[in-house]
């Protein structure tokens, strides 16, 4: 029983296992079929997508090919159009050239025919000319014979008369030519002079030190003013006596003013007072000691300045006393222009102009440097600075041509050499150029206008011109109203009125010009 049950159980188990196996087999088969079907669908879909993509690529390629073909066709048409235009232009040019050649050939043919006709006519004319020449020679000989019979002169006598007339005509033409050449030479000389002066001014750029007739000494504090004055004014009197300048102590804060016409003395006073302030010991004895010491230092400084001026100008062999006088010019001014710097500038300008004119370069610079030497002592000696400087130069052995140029540079005497004229020009350029003088433009113009108005106020004056920075005035008078004698009186009267009504340093030259002109016109 038990065995039967076991067999039955085994049988059911076997049947169950078989059923389970069959069930699994059917399930797997179903799943495999489904996978296969899915794979087939995916493959089909992929194939369809590939066909669609291939179609897109084909269509895109066709479009690109069409675009490229269209672009190439357009470019080809444009290039063909340009080429056709060029060919048309060339064709037109060729046709024009052919037409021109045809016309030239026609012209040449006509000219050849004309030349042939002219050759024939020239040959005929030449024959006629020969015959006419023969007849003219015969007529001329007959006329000569008649003239000899009528005039009673031989052939040689007539020849002499004719030569005399020709000589007179040639002399007249030569005179006219000489006058024209002289005028051209003057015009050329004026242009060359302006060129040389312009070149000299362009090359010159000298700075000027501006000074006045007063010097200011700065003080550390206002208490020093009392020490400078001293007890009962002993210190200030001692300083004024020792230096020869006026010491002005006023309400100006922390400053003392030194006033004096002599710039050297003023410089000595300023340096002395600065040394006394630095030292602190201020009393009459110390003041005299310091001033004496500064004077010796100033003499040495003046000599050094003179030697430096010579070195800058490239000159040598000048007397030591002249060197000292040159150094003094550093402390002298004219219209605010430092005279030593002005002298250096004039030397440079004269050197440039002399070099252009092929004159002695060194001699010209020597004249320029020494031309205002008289200003170093002009306040001590009577006379114009030009005359004083020339006398000093003669005294210390300078050549006469240098002394003459120095004396003539303001036209006090008539210049006799070209270097003397150059000295006048260089001095005027240096003094009159903008920036050289301290005067403002307004003051400068007013002074010139005042000078001209003084001259214009006299009866018979046609026009007055102030020149050379106001150092000379030229007055043109009416010749029908002013005689030569009256011109001299007028110059003196104008001089007096200028002296009375105008303040100016130095001197002003008055030149009265009376000119009579006779003018006719050849028609």
Protein backbone atom coordinates (compact mmCIF):
# COMPACT_ATOMS: atom_id res chain seq x y z
CA UNK A 1 0.00 0.00 0.00
CA UNK A 2 2.66 2.14 0.93
CA UNK A 3 4.52 1.16 -2.21
CA UNK A 4 1.54 1.89 -4.38
CA UNK A 5 1.21 5.26 -2.84
CA UNK A 6 4.82 5.91 -3.54
CA UNK A 7 4.48 4.85 -7.14
CA UNK A 8 1.43 6.99 -7.54
CA UNK A 9 3.28 9.89 -6.02
CA UNK A 10 6.23 9.30 -8.30
CA UNK A 11 3.88 9.03 -11.22
CA UNK A 12 2.19 12.32 -10.36
CA UNK A 13 5.58 13.87 -9.82
CA UNK A 14 6.75 12.69 -13.20
CA UNK A 15 3.58 13.92 -14.84
CA UNK A 16 3.98 17.27 -13.05
CA UNK A 17 7.56 17.53 -14.17
CA UNK A 18 6.62 16.74 -17.73
CA UNK A 19 3.81 19.27 -17.63
CA UNK A 20 6.10 21.87 -16.15
CA UNK A 21 8.72 21.14 -18.84
CA UNK A 22 6.16 21.45 -21.58
CA UNK A 23 4.81 24.64 -20.06
CA UNK A 24 8.34 26.12 -19.93
CA UNK A 25 8.97 25.02 -23.49
CA UNK A 26 5.86 26.75 -24.75
CA UNK A 27 6.60 29.89 -22.78
CA UNK A 28 10.19 30.07 -24.11
CA UNK A 29 9.00 29.46 -27.61
CA UNK A 30 6.46 32.25 -27.27
CA UNK A 31 9.08 34.65 -25.89
CA UNK A 32 11.55 33.72 -28.68
CA UNK A 33 8.88 34.29 -31.28
CA UNK A 34 8.04 37.67 -29.79
CA UNK A 35 11.75 38.69 -29.71
CA UNK A 36 12.19 37.60 -33.27
CA UNK A 37 9.16 39.57 -34.27
CA UNK A 38 10.44 42.65 -32.39
CA UNK A 39 13.87 42.25 -33.99
CA UNK A 40 12.28 42.00 -37.39
CA UNK A 41 10.22 45.13 -36.73
CA UNK A 42 13.30 47.06 -35.51
CA UNK A 43 15.31 45.92 -38.55
CA UNK A 44 12.49 46.99 -40.81
CA UNK A 45 12.22 50.36 -39.10
CA UNK A 46 16.01 50.87 -39.27
CA UNK A 47 15.93 50.03 -42.96
CA UNK A 48 13.12 52.50 -43.52
CA UNK A 49 15.02 55.21 -41.58
CA UNK A 50 18.16 54.46 -43.61
CA UNK A 51 16.19 54.78 -46.83
CA UNK A 52 14.67 58.09 -45.66
CA UNK A 53 18.11 59.47 -44.57
CA UNK A 54 19.67 58.34 -47.84
CA UNK A 55 16.90 60.13 -49.71
CA UNK A 56 17.53 63.31 -47.67
CA UNK A 57 21.28 63.15 -48.37
CA UNK A 58 20.61 62.61 -52.05
CA UNK A 59 18.23 65.57 -52.19
CA UNK A 60 20.70 67.79 -50.24
CA UNK A 61 23.52 66.80 -52.58
CA UNK A 62 21.32 67.60 -55.57
CA UNK A 63 20.46 71.03 -54.13
CA UNK A 64 24.12 71.82 -53.40
CA UNK A 65 25.08 70.71 -56.87
CA UNK A 66 22.38 72.95 -58.36
CA UNK A 67 23.52 75.94 -56.21
CA UNK A 68 27.15 75.41 -57.20
CA UNK A 69 26.17 75.10 -60.84
CA UNK A 70 24.11 78.32 -60.62
CA UNK A 71 26.95 80.17 -58.88
CA UNK A 72 29.47 78.98 -61.46
CA UNK A 73 27.10 79.97 -64.24
CA UNK A 74 26.61 83.46 -62.71
CA UNK A 75 30.35 84.00 -62.29
CA UNK A 76 30.97 82.78 -65.81
CA UNK A 77 28.33 85.16 -67.17
CA UNK A 78 29.78 88.12 -65.21
CA UNK A 79 33.32 87.32 -66.32
CA UNK A 80 32.10 86.89 -69.87
CA UNK A 81 30.32 90.24 -69.64
CA UNK A 82 33.48 92.00 -68.39
CA UNK A 83 35.54 90.36 -71.11
CA UNK A 84 33.01 91.38 -73.74
CA UNK A 85 33.13 94.96 -72.46
CA UNK A 86 36.94 94.95 -72.55
CA UNK A 87 36.86 93.52 -76.05
CA UNK A 88 34.38 96.19 -77.10
CA UNK A 89 36.63 98.92 -75.67
CA UNK A 90 39.66 97.43 -77.40
CA UNK A 91 37.69 97.12 -80.61
CA UNK A 92 36.65 100.80 -80.39
CA UNK A 93 40.25 101.84 -79.70
CA UNK A 94 41.49 99.84 -82.63
CA UNK A 95 38.85 101.39 -84.85
CA UNK A 96 39.81 104.89 -83.62
CA UNK A 97 43.49 104.16 -84.20
CA UNK A 98 42.71 102.91 -87.69
CA UNK A 99 40.71 106.07 -88.37
CA UNK A 100 43.55 108.23 -86.97
CA UNK A 101 46.07 106.37 -89.08
CA UNK A 102 43.90 106.88 -92.13
CA UNK A 103 43.63 110.59 -91.39
CA UNK A 104 47.39 110.87 -90.78
CA UNK A 105 48.09 109.07 -94.03
CA UNK A 106 45.79 111.49 -95.81
CA UNK A 107 47.48 114.48 -94.12
CA UNK A 108 50.93 113.15 -95.00
CA UNK A 109 49.85 112.65 -98.60
CA UNK A 110 48.52 116.20 -98.77
CA UNK A 111 51.69 117.60 -97.16
CA UNK A 112 53.87 115.68 -99.61
CA UNK A 113 51.92 117.19 -102.47
CA UNK A 114 52.17 120.64 -100.85
CA UNK A 115 55.92 120.23 -100.37
CA UNK A 116 56.30 119.23 -103.99
CA UNK A 117 54.38 122.33 -105.08
CA UNK A 118 56.37 124.52 -102.64
CA UNK A 119 59.68 123.14 -103.89
CA UNK A 120 58.72 124.15 -107.39
CA UNK A 121 57.58 127.58 -106.24
CA UNK A 122 60.75 128.04 -104.14
CA UNK A 123 62.94 127.26 -107.09
CA UNK A 124 61.05 129.84 -109.11
CA UNK A 125 61.24 132.37 -106.26
CA UNK A 126 64.94 131.76 -105.83
CA UNK A 127 65.48 132.57 -109.48
CA UNK A 128 63.39 135.72 -109.08
CA UNK A 129 65.40 136.69 -105.96
CA UNK A 130 68.68 136.34 -107.80
CA UNK A 131 67.42 138.57 -110.54
CA UNK A 132 66.08 141.11 -108.02
CA UNK A 133 69.37 141.10 -106.08
CA UNK A 134 71.24 141.90 -109.24
CA UNK A 135 68.83 144.72 -110.04
CA UNK A 136 69.03 146.02 -106.43
CA UNK A 137 72.83 145.95 -106.50
CA UNK A 138 72.74 147.98 -109.68
CA UNK A 139 70.21 150.42 -108.19
CA UNK A 140 72.24 150.73 -104.96
CA UNK A 141 75.37 151.52 -106.93
CA UNK A 142 73.47 154.12 -108.93
CA UNK A 143 72.10 155.62 -105.67
CA UNK A 144 75.59 155.76 -104.16
CA UNK A 145 76.86 157.56 -107.22
CA UNK A 146 73.95 160.01 -107.08
CA UNK A 147 74.46 160.60 -103.31
CA UNK A 148 78.14 161.27 -103.83
CA UNK A 149 77.34 163.75 -106.59
CA UNK A 150 74.58 165.48 -104.55
CA UNK A 151 76.28 165.53 -101.09
CA UNK A 152 79.73 166.24 -102.34
CA UNK A 153 81.10 163.52 -99.96
CA UNK A 154 83.16 160.60 -100.91
CA UNK A 155 82.36 157.07 -99.88
CA UNK A 156 84.90 157.19 -97.04
CA UNK A 157 83.50 160.47 -95.71
CA UNK A 158 79.95 159.09 -95.70
CA UNK A 159 81.24 156.02 -93.94
CA UNK A 160 82.77 158.17 -91.19
CA UNK A 161 79.49 160.08 -90.71
CA UNK A 162 77.59 156.81 -90.46
CA UNK A 163 80.08 155.38 -87.95
CA UNK A 164 79.80 158.53 -85.84
CA UNK A 165 76.03 158.16 -85.70
CA UNK A 166 76.34 154.49 -84.80
CA UNK A 167 78.84 155.34 -82.10
CA UNK A 168 76.45 157.88 -80.55
CA UNK A 169 73.60 155.37 -80.63
CA UNK A 170 75.79 152.67 -79.06
CA UNK A 171 76.89 155.05 -76.30
CA UNK A 172 73.28 155.92 -75.54
CA UNK A 173 72.30 152.25 -75.42
CA UNK A 174 75.34 151.52 -73.23
CA UNK A 175 74.31 154.29 -70.81
CA UNK A 176 70.78 152.89 -70.64
CA UNK A 177 72.17 149.41 -70.09
CA UNK A 178 74.55 150.62 -67.37
CA UNK A 179 71.67 152.34 -65.56
CA UNK A 180 69.56 149.19 -65.79
CA UNK A 181 72.43 147.03 -64.53
CA UNK A 182 72.99 149.44 -61.62
CA UNK A 183 69.30 149.28 -60.68
CA UNK A 184 69.34 145.48 -60.89
CA UNK A 185 72.52 145.40 -58.80
CA UNK A 186 70.92 147.64 -56.16
CA UNK A 187 67.82 145.47 -56.08
CA UNK A 188 69.93 142.33 -55.82
CA UNK A 189 72.07 143.94 -53.11
CA UNK A 190 68.96 144.84 -51.10
CA UNK A 191 67.67 141.27 -51.36
CA UNK A 192 71.07 139.87 -50.40
CA UNK A 193 71.33 142.29 -47.46
CA UNK A 194 67.89 141.27 -46.20
CA UNK A 195 68.86 137.63 -46.61
CA UNK A 196 72.11 138.09 -44.65
CA UNK A 197 70.40 140.06 -41.87
CA UNK A 198 67.60 137.50 -41.67
CA UNK A 199 70.13 134.67 -41.47
CA UNK A 200 72.05 136.47 -38.73
CA UNK A 201 68.89 137.08 -36.69
CA UNK A 202 67.76 133.48 -37.18
CA UNK A 203 71.08 132.11 -35.90
CA UNK A 204 71.20 134.43 -32.90
CA UNK A 205 69.28 133.52 -29.75
CA UNK A 206 70.89 135.32 -26.81
CA UNK A 207 69.11 135.76 -23.52
CA UNK A 208 69.25 139.10 -21.74
CA UNK A 209 69.43 139.88 -18.05
CA UNK A 210 67.03 142.65 -17.05
CA UNK A 211 68.00 145.00 -14.24
CA UNK A 212 66.70 148.28 -12.88
CA UNK A 213 68.22 151.21 -11.00
CA UNK A 214 67.27 149.66 -7.66
CA UNK A 215 68.19 146.43 -5.88
CA UNK A 216 66.22 144.69 -3.15
CA UNK A 217 67.85 142.91 -0.19
CA UNK A 218 65.59 140.47 1.62
CA UNK A 219 65.75 140.44 5.43
CA UNK A 220 65.10 137.49 7.75
CA UNK A 221 62.74 139.70 9.82
CA UNK A 222 61.78 143.33 10.31
CA UNK A 223 63.90 143.57 13.46
CA UNK A 224 67.01 143.65 11.25
CA UNK A 225 65.94 147.06 9.93
CA UNK A 226 66.76 148.62 13.30
CA UNK A 227 70.19 147.01 13.38
CA UNK A 228 70.91 148.24 9.84
CA UNK A 229 69.94 151.80 10.82
CA UNK A 230 71.99 151.62 14.02
CA UNK A 231 72.11 154.03 16.94
CA UNK A 232 71.20 157.49 15.67
CA UNK A 233 71.56 156.16 12.08
CA UNK A 234 75.32 155.54 12.31
CA UNK A 235 75.24 152.16 10.54
CA UNK A 236 73.12 153.26 7.56
CA UNK A 237 75.23 156.42 7.08
CA UNK A 238 78.42 154.38 7.18
CA UNK A 239 77.01 151.96 4.58
CA UNK A 240 75.90 154.80 2.27
CA UNK A 241 79.26 156.55 2.54
CA UNK A 242 81.27 153.36 1.98
CA UNK A 243 79.22 152.17 -1.04
CA UNK A 244 78.01 155.43 -2.60
CA UNK A 245 74.36 154.29 -2.90
CA UNK A 246 71.17 155.28 -1.11
CA UNK A 247 69.81 152.78 1.41
CA UNK A 248 66.02 153.09 1.63
CA UNK A 249 64.28 151.52 4.63
CA UNK A 250 60.52 151.94 4.43
CA UNK A 251 57.37 150.00 5.27
CA UNK A 252 58.20 147.23 2.78
CA UNK A 253 58.08 144.05 4.91
CA UNK A 254 61.38 142.21 5.34
CA UNK A 255 63.17 144.14 2.59
CA UNK A 256 65.67 146.98 2.15
CA UNK A 257 65.95 148.89 -1.13
CA UNK A 258 69.32 150.03 -2.54
CA UNK A 259 69.09 152.86 -5.05
CA UNK A 260 71.91 154.15 -7.25
CA UNK A 261 72.69 154.96 -10.87
CA UNK A 262 76.04 153.10 -10.85
CA UNK A 263 75.17 149.39 -11.12
CA UNK A 264 78.63 148.31 -9.90
CA UNK A 265 78.32 150.31 -6.70
CA UNK A 266 74.79 149.00 -6.25
CA UNK A 267 76.01 145.42 -6.64
CA UNK A 268 78.80 146.05 -4.09
CA UNK A 269 76.28 147.47 -1.63
CA UNK A 270 73.93 144.50 -2.05
CA UNK A 271 76.65 141.87 -1.58
CA UNK A 272 78.10 143.78 1.41
CA UNK A 273 74.73 144.07 3.14
CA UNK A 274 73.98 140.38 2.55
CA UNK A 275 77.36 139.45 4.10
CA UNK A 276 76.72 141.72 7.09
CA UNK A 277 73.29 140.16 7.63
CA UNK A 278 74.79 136.70 7.46
CA UNK A 279 77.62 137.60 9.83
CA UNK A 280 75.34 139.41 12.29
CA UNK A 281 77.98 142.00 13.34
CA UNK A 282 76.75 145.35 12.03
CA UNK A 283 78.66 148.47 13.09
CA UNK A 284 80.57 151.20 11.18
CA UNK A 285 83.97 149.52 11.47
CA UNK A 286 82.69 146.16 10.31
CA UNK A 287 80.71 147.82 7.49
CA UNK A 288 83.85 149.54 6.10
CA UNK A 289 85.84 146.29 6.39
CA UNK A 290 83.20 144.20 4.57
CA UNK A 291 82.66 146.82 1.83
CA UNK A 292 86.39 147.06 1.17
CA UNK A 293 86.64 143.29 0.92
CA UNK A 294 83.66 143.09 -1.45
CA UNK A 295 85.16 145.82 -3.66
CA UNK A 296 88.29 143.69 -4.13
CA UNK A 297 86.17 140.63 -4.89
CA UNK A 298 84.10 142.72 -7.34
CA UNK A 299 87.26 143.86 -9.19
CA UNK A 300 88.25 140.22 -9.57
CA UNK A 301 84.73 139.25 -10.65
CA UNK A 302 84.65 142.06 -13.23
CA UNK A 303 87.96 140.87 -14.74
CA UNK A 304 86.62 137.30 -14.86
CA UNK A 305 83.44 138.44 -16.60
CA UNK A 306 85.49 140.32 -19.20
CA UNK A 307 87.71 137.30 -19.81
CA UNK A 308 84.64 135.07 -20.08
CA UNK A 309 83.15 137.42 -22.68
CA UNK A 310 86.38 137.24 -24.70
CA UNK A 311 86.40 133.46 -24.42
CA UNK A 312 82.76 133.21 -25.55
CA UNK A 313 83.52 135.43 -28.54
CA UNK A 314 86.71 133.52 -29.38
CA UNK A 315 88.93 136.61 -29.14
CA UNK A 316 92.33 137.27 -27.53
CA UNK A 317 95.13 139.82 -27.37
CA UNK A 318 93.05 142.59 -25.78
CA UNK A 319 94.50 145.00 -23.23
CA UNK A 320 93.72 144.08 -19.56
CA UNK A 321 92.11 147.47 -18.91
CA UNK A 322 89.70 146.91 -21.80
CA UNK A 323 88.90 143.48 -20.32
CA UNK A 324 87.98 145.17 -17.01
CA UNK A 325 85.79 147.68 -18.82
CA UNK A 326 84.03 144.83 -20.62
CA UNK A 327 83.38 143.16 -17.27
CA UNK A 328 81.82 146.37 -15.94
CA UNK A 329 79.28 146.22 -18.76
CA UNK A 330 77.67 143.25 -16.99
CA UNK A 331 76.36 145.72 -14.42
CA UNK A 332 75.18 148.29 -16.99
CA UNK A 333 71.80 148.26 -18.70
CA UNK A 334 70.25 150.22 -21.57
CA UNK A 335 66.44 150.25 -21.74
CA UNK A 336 66.63 147.24 -19.42
CA UNK A 337 68.92 145.36 -21.85
CA UNK A 338 72.13 144.08 -20.29
CA UNK A 339 74.95 145.82 -22.17
CA UNK A 340 77.47 142.96 -21.91
CA UNK A 341 74.96 140.45 -23.29
CA UNK A 342 74.05 142.99 -25.96
CA UNK A 343 77.75 143.34 -26.90
CA UNK A 344 78.11 139.56 -27.16
CA UNK A 345 75.04 139.41 -29.38
CA UNK A 346 76.32 142.22 -31.64
CA UNK A 347 79.67 140.39 -31.92
CA UNK A 348 77.87 137.22 -32.96
CA UNK A 349 75.64 139.03 -35.48
CA UNK A 350 78.61 140.85 -37.01
CA UNK A 351 80.51 137.58 -37.26
CA UNK A 352 77.64 135.90 -39.13
CA UNK A 353 77.15 138.83 -41.54
CA UNK A 354 80.89 139.26 -42.13
CA UNK A 355 81.19 135.58 -42.90
CA UNK A 356 78.39 135.86 -45.48
CA UNK A 357 80.09 138.90 -47.06
CA UNK A 358 83.56 137.24 -47.06
CA UNK A 359 84.97 139.84 -44.64
CA UNK A 360 87.36 139.39 -41.71
CA UNK A 361 85.31 137.25 -39.31
CA UNK A 362 87.54 137.82 -36.23
CA UNK A 363 87.86 141.57 -36.78
CA UNK A 364 84.08 141.90 -37.12
CA UNK A 365 83.47 140.05 -33.82
CA UNK A 366 86.11 142.21 -32.09
CA UNK A 367 84.32 145.39 -33.23
CA UNK A 368 80.96 144.00 -32.14
CA UNK A 369 82.19 143.08 -28.66
CA UNK A 370 83.89 146.45 -28.07
CA UNK A 371 81.37 148.77 -29.76
CA UNK A 372 79.63 149.84 -26.49
CA UNK A 373 82.82 149.98 -24.39
CA UNK A 374 82.17 153.66 -23.62
CA UNK A 375 79.04 152.79 -21.65
CA UNK A 376 81.25 151.38 -18.89
CA UNK A 377 82.37 154.94 -18.01
CA UNK A 378 79.80 157.13 -19.81
CA UNK A 379 78.37 158.36 -16.48
CA UNK A 380 81.86 159.47 -15.43
CA UNK A 381 83.09 161.11 -18.68
CA UNK A 382 81.46 163.80 -20.83
CA UNK A 383 80.46 162.87 -24.39
CA UNK A 384 78.61 160.14 -26.24
CA UNK A 385 79.43 156.55 -25.39
CA UNK A 386 80.52 155.88 -29.00
CA UNK A 387 83.15 158.65 -28.85
CA UNK A 388 84.25 157.68 -25.34
CA UNK A 389 84.60 154.01 -26.33
CA UNK A 390 86.63 154.85 -29.45
CA UNK A 391 88.98 157.08 -27.42
CA UNK A 392 89.47 154.33 -24.84
CA UNK A 393 90.19 151.80 -27.60
CA UNK A 394 92.79 154.14 -29.12
CA UNK A 395 94.31 154.71 -25.69
CA UNK A 396 94.84 150.98 -25.16
CA UNK A 397 96.27 150.27 -28.61
CA UNK A 398 93.33 149.00 -30.69
CA UNK A 399 93.72 149.44 -34.51
CA UNK A 400 92.20 152.55 -36.09
CA UNK A 401 89.68 150.59 -38.20
CA UNK A 402 88.20 149.13 -34.98
CA UNK A 403 88.12 152.56 -33.30
CA UNK A 404 86.48 154.11 -36.36
CA UNK A 405 83.74 151.46 -36.44
CA UNK A 406 83.10 151.93 -32.70
CA UNK A 407 82.79 155.70 -33.12
CA UNK A 408 80.52 155.42 -36.19
CA UNK A 409 78.11 152.74 -34.94
CA UNK A 410 75.54 155.43 -33.98
CA UNK A 411 76.35 157.60 -37.03
CA UNK A 412 78.09 160.23 -34.89
CA UNK A 413 80.57 160.27 -37.76
CA UNK A 414 80.25 159.06 -41.35
CA UNK A 415 81.14 155.35 -41.67
CA UNK A 416 84.09 154.81 -44.03
CA UNK A 417 84.34 151.00 -43.96
CA UNK A 418 81.93 148.16 -44.58
CA UNK A 419 82.61 146.81 -41.08
CA UNK A 420 81.48 150.16 -39.62
CA UNK A 421 78.19 149.81 -41.51
CA UNK A 422 77.86 146.23 -40.26
CA UNK A 423 78.35 147.51 -36.70
CA UNK A 424 75.42 149.91 -37.17
CA UNK A 425 73.22 147.14 -38.57
CA UNK A 426 74.10 144.56 -35.90
CA UNK A 427 73.63 147.09 -33.08
CA UNK A 428 70.21 148.09 -34.44
CA UNK A 429 69.14 144.45 -34.85
CA UNK A 430 70.16 143.51 -31.32
CA UNK A 431 68.54 146.57 -29.76
CA UNK A 432 65.33 146.56 -31.79
CA UNK A 433 64.43 142.88 -32.02
CA UNK A 434 61.40 141.77 -29.92
CA UNK A 435 62.27 140.79 -26.37
CA UNK A 436 65.66 142.51 -26.31
CA UNK A 437 64.46 145.59 -24.48
CA UNK A 438 62.49 145.64 -21.27
CA UNK A 439 59.82 148.07 -22.45
CA UNK A 440 56.37 146.64 -23.00
CA UNK A 441 54.87 146.88 -26.45
CA UNK A 442 52.38 149.50 -25.31
CA UNK A 443 55.06 151.71 -23.73
CA UNK A 444 57.34 151.25 -26.71
CA UNK A 445 54.63 152.23 -29.22
CA UNK A 446 53.56 155.22 -27.14
CA UNK A 447 57.13 156.52 -26.94
CA UNK A 448 57.59 156.21 -30.71
CA UNK A 449 54.22 157.88 -31.35
CA UNK A 450 55.14 160.72 -28.97
CA UNK A 451 58.46 161.18 -30.76
CA UNK A 452 56.77 161.32 -34.17
CA UNK A 453 54.02 163.64 -32.94
CA UNK A 454 56.62 166.13 -31.66
CA UNK A 455 58.19 166.29 -35.12
CA UNK A 456 54.80 166.42 -36.90
CA UNK A 457 53.79 169.44 -34.83
CA UNK A 458 56.22 171.71 -36.72
CA UNK A 459 55.05 173.59 -39.79
CA UNK A 460 56.38 172.32 -43.11
CA UNK A 461 56.89 168.71 -41.92
CA UNK A 462 55.41 166.21 -44.36
CA UNK A 463 56.08 162.99 -42.42
CA UNK A 464 58.24 161.81 -39.50
CA UNK A 465 59.50 158.27 -38.86
CA UNK A 466 60.97 157.02 -35.57
CA UNK A 467 63.53 154.27 -36.24
CA UNK A 468 66.24 152.26 -34.44
CA UNK A 469 63.99 151.56 -31.43
CA UNK A 470 63.37 155.29 -30.96
CA UNK A 471 67.04 156.33 -30.99
CA UNK A 472 66.65 158.22 -34.27
CA UNK A 473 63.87 160.18 -35.96
CA UNK A 474 63.91 161.07 -39.64
CA UNK A 475 61.82 164.05 -40.65
CA UNK A 476 60.80 164.58 -44.29
CA UNK A 477 59.89 168.21 -45.00
CA UNK A 478 58.02 169.91 -47.85
CA UNK A 479 60.74 171.36 -50.12
CA UNK A 480 58.54 174.19 -51.36
CA UNK A 481 57.95 175.42 -47.77
CA UNK A 482 61.30 174.64 -46.08
CA UNK A 483 64.67 175.80 -47.48
CA UNK A 484 68.04 174.16 -46.75
CA UNK A 485 68.85 176.79 -44.14
CA UNK A 486 65.43 176.40 -42.51
CA UNK A 487 65.94 172.60 -42.44
CA UNK A 488 68.99 173.03 -40.18
CA UNK A 489 67.01 175.35 -37.87
CA UNK A 490 64.10 172.88 -37.84
CA UNK A 491 66.40 170.03 -36.76
CA UNK A 492 67.63 172.13 -33.82
CA UNK A 493 64.08 173.15 -32.83
CA UNK A 494 62.84 169.54 -32.90
CA UNK A 495 65.83 168.49 -30.78
CA UNK A 496 65.00 171.11 -28.15
CA UNK A 497 61.34 170.15 -28.03
CA UNK A 498 62.25 166.45 -27.62
CA UNK A 499 64.58 167.32 -24.74
CA UNK A 500 61.81 169.33 -23.06
CA UNK A 501 58.85 167.02 -23.64
CA UNK A 502 60.23 163.47 -23.60
CA UNK A 503 62.14 161.43 -21.03
CA UNK A 504 64.62 158.97 -22.50
CA UNK A 505 68.01 157.45 -21.71
CA UNK A 506 70.95 157.98 -24.03
CA UNK A 507 70.51 160.22 -27.06
CA UNK A 508 68.11 160.62 -30.00
CA UNK A 509 69.40 161.59 -33.43
CA UNK A 510 67.23 163.98 -35.47
CA UNK A 511 67.68 163.87 -39.26
CA UNK A 512 65.80 166.38 -41.43
CA UNK A 513 65.49 165.36 -45.11
CA UNK A 514 64.67 167.90 -47.81
CA UNK A 515 64.39 166.51 -51.32
CA UNK A 516 63.37 168.11 -54.61
CA UNK A 517 62.41 165.85 -57.51
CA UNK A 518 61.89 166.72 -61.17
CA UNK A 519 59.67 164.18 -62.93
CA UNK A 520 58.80 163.99 -66.62
CA UNK A 521 57.21 161.21 -68.69
CA UNK A 522 58.40 160.14 -72.16
CA UNK A 523 55.40 159.31 -74.36
